[in-house]
N, C-alpha and C. Protein backbone atom coordinates (compact mmCIF):
# COMPACT_ATOMS: atom_id res chain seq x y z
N MET A 1 0.85 -1.06 0.20
CA MET A 1 -0.24 0.09 -0.04
C MET A 1 1.04 1.12 0.12
N GLY A 2 2.01 1.32 0.71
CA GLY A 2 2.90 2.10 0.90
C GLY A 2 3.40 2.79 -0.56
N ARG A 3 3.80 1.65 -1.25
CA ARG A 3 4.70 1.88 -2.45
C ARG A 3 3.69 2.54 -3.61
N TRP A 4 2.06 2.16 -3.41
CA TRP A 4 1.12 2.34 -4.16
C TRP A 4 1.16 4.22 -4.03
N LEU A 5 1.12 4.28 -2.94
CA LEU A 5 0.81 6.00 -2.49
C LEU A 5 1.90 6.68 -2.76
N ILE A 6 3.19 6.23 -2.72
CA ILE A 6 4.45 6.87 -3.14
C ILE A 6 4.23 6.84 -4.75
N GLY A 7 3.90 5.93 -5.39
CA GLY A 7 3.96 6.10 -6.85
C GLY A 7 2.93 7.10 -7.14
N ILE A 8 1.76 6.83 -6.60
CA ILE A 8 0.81 7.88 -7.18
C ILE A 8 1.31 9.53 -6.82
N GLY A 9 1.82 9.57 -5.62
CA GLY A 9 2.44 10.84 -5.47
C GLY A 9 3.46 11.46 -6.51
N LEU A 10 4.16 10.30 -6.94
CA LEU A 10 5.55 10.81 -7.90
C LEU A 10 4.84 11.25 -9.18
N VAL A 11 3.66 10.67 -9.63
CA VAL A 11 2.94 10.87 -10.68
C VAL A 11 2.20 11.98 -10.57
N LEU A 12 1.78 12.61 -9.72
CA LEU A 12 1.22 13.82 -9.69
C LEU A 12 2.42 14.63 -9.62
N VAL A 13 3.32 14.52 -9.00
CA VAL A 13 4.31 15.76 -9.04
C VAL A 13 4.69 15.73 -10.55
N VAL A 14 5.05 14.74 -11.23
CA VAL A 14 5.31 14.72 -12.68
C VAL A 14 4.23 15.35 -13.39
N LEU A 15 2.94 15.13 -13.31
CA LEU A 15 1.77 15.92 -14.00
C LEU A 15 2.00 17.30 -13.78
N GLY A 16 2.36 17.63 -12.48
CA GLY A 16 2.24 19.06 -12.36
C GLY A 16 3.30 19.88 -12.68
N LEU A 17 4.72 19.26 -13.03
CA LEU A 17 5.77 19.64 -13.72
C LEU A 17 5.49 19.70 -15.18
N ILE A 18 4.79 19.10 -15.58
CA ILE A 18 4.47 18.84 -17.34
C ILE A 18 3.25 19.68 -17.49
N TRP A 19 2.48 20.08 -16.65
CA TRP A 19 1.20 20.67 -16.83
C TRP A 19 1.26 21.91 -17.98
N PRO A 20 2.39 22.75 -17.71
CA PRO A 20 2.51 23.89 -18.69
C PRO A 20 2.78 23.62 -20.26
N TRP A 21 3.18 22.47 -20.14
CA TRP A 21 3.37 22.10 -21.74
C TRP A 21 2.10 21.22 -22.16
N LEU A 22 1.51 20.54 -21.30
CA LEU A 22 0.26 20.01 -21.63
C LEU A 22 -1.00 21.03 -22.08
N ALA A 23 -0.67 22.39 -21.30
CA ALA A 23 -1.62 23.50 -21.48
C ALA A 23 -1.75 23.91 -22.94
N ARG A 24 -0.39 23.74 -23.59
CA ARG A 24 -0.05 24.37 -24.58
C ARG A 24 -0.69 23.29 -25.81
N LEU A 25 -1.19 22.08 -25.65
CA LEU A 25 -1.76 21.31 -26.10
C LEU A 25 -3.34 21.44 -26.05
N GLY A 26 -3.53 22.29 -25.45
CA GLY A 26 -5.30 22.20 -25.41
C GLY A 26 -5.89 21.35 -24.29
N LEU A 27 -5.09 20.66 -23.43
CA LEU A 27 -5.59 19.82 -22.50
C LEU A 27 -6.20 20.81 -21.68
N GLY A 28 -7.54 20.77 -21.11
CA GLY A 28 -8.10 21.46 -19.79
C GLY A 28 -8.68 22.74 -20.56
N ARG A 29 -9.13 22.84 -21.88
CA ARG A 29 -9.75 23.50 -22.30
C ARG A 29 -10.36 23.10 -23.68
N LEU A 30 -10.85 21.91 -23.62
CA LEU A 30 -11.55 21.21 -24.65
C LEU A 30 -13.09 21.76 -24.86
N PRO A 31 -13.74 21.37 -25.86
CA PRO A 31 -15.03 21.38 -25.88
C PRO A 31 -15.64 20.73 -24.78
N GLY A 32 -16.61 21.04 -24.44
CA GLY A 32 -17.24 20.62 -23.32
C GLY A 32 -17.14 20.94 -21.69
N ASP A 33 -15.79 21.49 -21.62
CA ASP A 33 -15.30 21.86 -20.28
C ASP A 33 -15.94 23.26 -19.84
N ILE A 34 -16.67 23.26 -18.73
CA ILE A 34 -17.76 24.22 -18.27
C ILE A 34 -16.82 25.56 -17.76
N ALA A 35 -17.09 26.56 -18.10
CA ALA A 35 -16.15 27.95 -17.75
C ALA A 35 -17.06 28.92 -17.83
N ILE A 36 -17.40 29.24 -16.56
CA ILE A 36 -18.09 30.61 -16.31
C ILE A 36 -17.15 31.73 -15.58
N GLN A 37 -17.31 33.06 -16.33
CA GLN A 37 -16.58 34.15 -15.92
C GLN A 37 -17.14 35.20 -15.66
N ARG A 38 -17.58 35.65 -14.54
CA ARG A 38 -18.09 37.07 -14.41
C ARG A 38 -17.23 37.85 -13.58
N GLU A 39 -17.82 39.15 -13.17
CA GLU A 39 -17.11 40.22 -12.67
C GLU A 39 -16.87 39.62 -11.14
N GLY A 40 -15.76 39.33 -10.63
CA GLY A 40 -15.36 38.71 -9.38
C GLY A 40 -15.73 37.73 -9.27
N PHE A 41 -15.83 36.54 -9.90
CA PHE A 41 -16.10 35.16 -10.16
C PHE A 41 -15.67 34.51 -11.21
N HIS A 42 -14.81 33.30 -10.87
CA HIS A 42 -14.55 32.54 -11.95
C HIS A 42 -14.60 30.96 -11.86
N PHE A 43 -15.54 30.23 -12.43
CA PHE A 43 -15.73 28.83 -12.15
C PHE A 43 -15.39 27.75 -13.15
N TYR A 44 -14.69 27.14 -13.10
CA TYR A 44 -14.10 26.17 -14.02
C TYR A 44 -14.31 24.66 -13.98
N PHE A 45 -14.86 23.85 -14.78
CA PHE A 45 -15.20 22.65 -14.62
C PHE A 45 -14.81 21.75 -15.51
N PRO A 46 -13.64 20.94 -15.52
CA PRO A 46 -13.15 20.40 -17.06
C PRO A 46 -13.96 18.99 -17.06
N VAL A 47 -15.22 18.98 -17.71
CA VAL A 47 -15.96 17.63 -17.95
C VAL A 47 -15.17 17.15 -18.89
N THR A 48 -15.07 17.37 -19.97
CA THR A 48 -14.53 16.37 -21.47
C THR A 48 -12.99 16.22 -20.93
N THR A 49 -12.30 16.97 -20.29
CA THR A 49 -11.09 16.71 -19.82
C THR A 49 -10.73 15.80 -19.29
N SER A 50 -11.71 15.50 -18.08
CA SER A 50 -11.42 14.57 -16.74
C SER A 50 -11.79 13.15 -17.69
N LEU A 51 -12.94 13.41 -18.53
CA LEU A 51 -13.49 12.19 -19.00
C LEU A 51 -11.79 11.58 -20.02
N LEU A 52 -11.50 12.36 -20.71
CA LEU A 52 -10.33 11.93 -21.47
C LEU A 52 -9.43 11.30 -20.66
N VAL A 53 -8.99 12.28 -19.67
CA VAL A 53 -7.84 11.60 -18.83
C VAL A 53 -8.28 10.22 -17.99
N SER A 54 -9.49 10.20 -17.83
CA SER A 54 -9.83 8.97 -17.01
C SER A 54 -9.77 7.56 -17.75
N VAL A 55 -10.10 8.01 -19.33
CA VAL A 55 -10.19 6.84 -20.21
C VAL A 55 -8.84 6.43 -20.44
N VAL A 56 -8.19 7.30 -20.75
CA VAL A 56 -6.82 7.15 -20.94
C VAL A 56 -5.94 6.43 -20.11
N VAL A 57 -6.09 6.70 -18.64
CA VAL A 57 -5.50 6.15 -17.43
C VAL A 57 -6.09 4.79 -17.20
N SER A 58 -7.63 4.70 -17.50
CA SER A 58 -7.92 3.34 -17.45
C SER A 58 -7.31 2.34 -18.39
N LEU A 59 -7.18 2.81 -19.84
CA LEU A 59 -6.56 2.01 -20.44
C LEU A 59 -5.12 1.72 -20.42
N LEU A 60 -4.62 2.37 -19.87
CA LEU A 60 -2.87 2.35 -19.59
C LEU A 60 -2.87 1.21 -18.53
N LEU A 61 -3.59 1.54 -17.51
CA LEU A 61 -3.81 0.52 -16.36
C LEU A 61 -4.48 -1.09 -16.84
N TRP A 62 -5.03 -1.02 -17.69
CA TRP A 62 -5.77 -2.06 -18.29
C TRP A 62 -4.47 -2.85 -18.98
N LEU A 63 -3.81 -2.18 -19.92
CA LEU A 63 -2.59 -2.69 -20.50
C LEU A 63 -1.60 -3.22 -19.68
N PHE A 64 -1.15 -2.50 -18.43
CA PHE A 64 -0.22 -2.46 -17.45
C PHE A 64 -0.66 -4.11 -16.67
N PHE A 65 -2.00 -4.13 -16.39
CA PHE A 65 -2.29 -5.44 -15.26
C PHE A 65 -2.86 -6.43 -15.93
N ARG A 66 -2.99 -6.51 -17.26
CA ARG A 66 -3.60 -7.79 -17.97
C ARG A 66 -2.66 -8.82 -17.76
N ARG A 67 -2.98 -9.95 -17.89
CA ARG A 67 -2.45 -11.07 -17.61
C ARG A 67 -2.45 -12.12 -18.85
């Protein structure tokens, strides 16, 4: 369990470091993401980005753990 938590932490650190380059690719501003901007208020919910990341991670885990 400890190794998993360390691994997940390392993955999050790596994603945080490469996030500026991912933003240049358009990840995080896809059609379907909800962004509301008003005076003094900003709300952003990345629906499509979350679904895309979920599918990619699920496929990678499935490929990694299949026997």
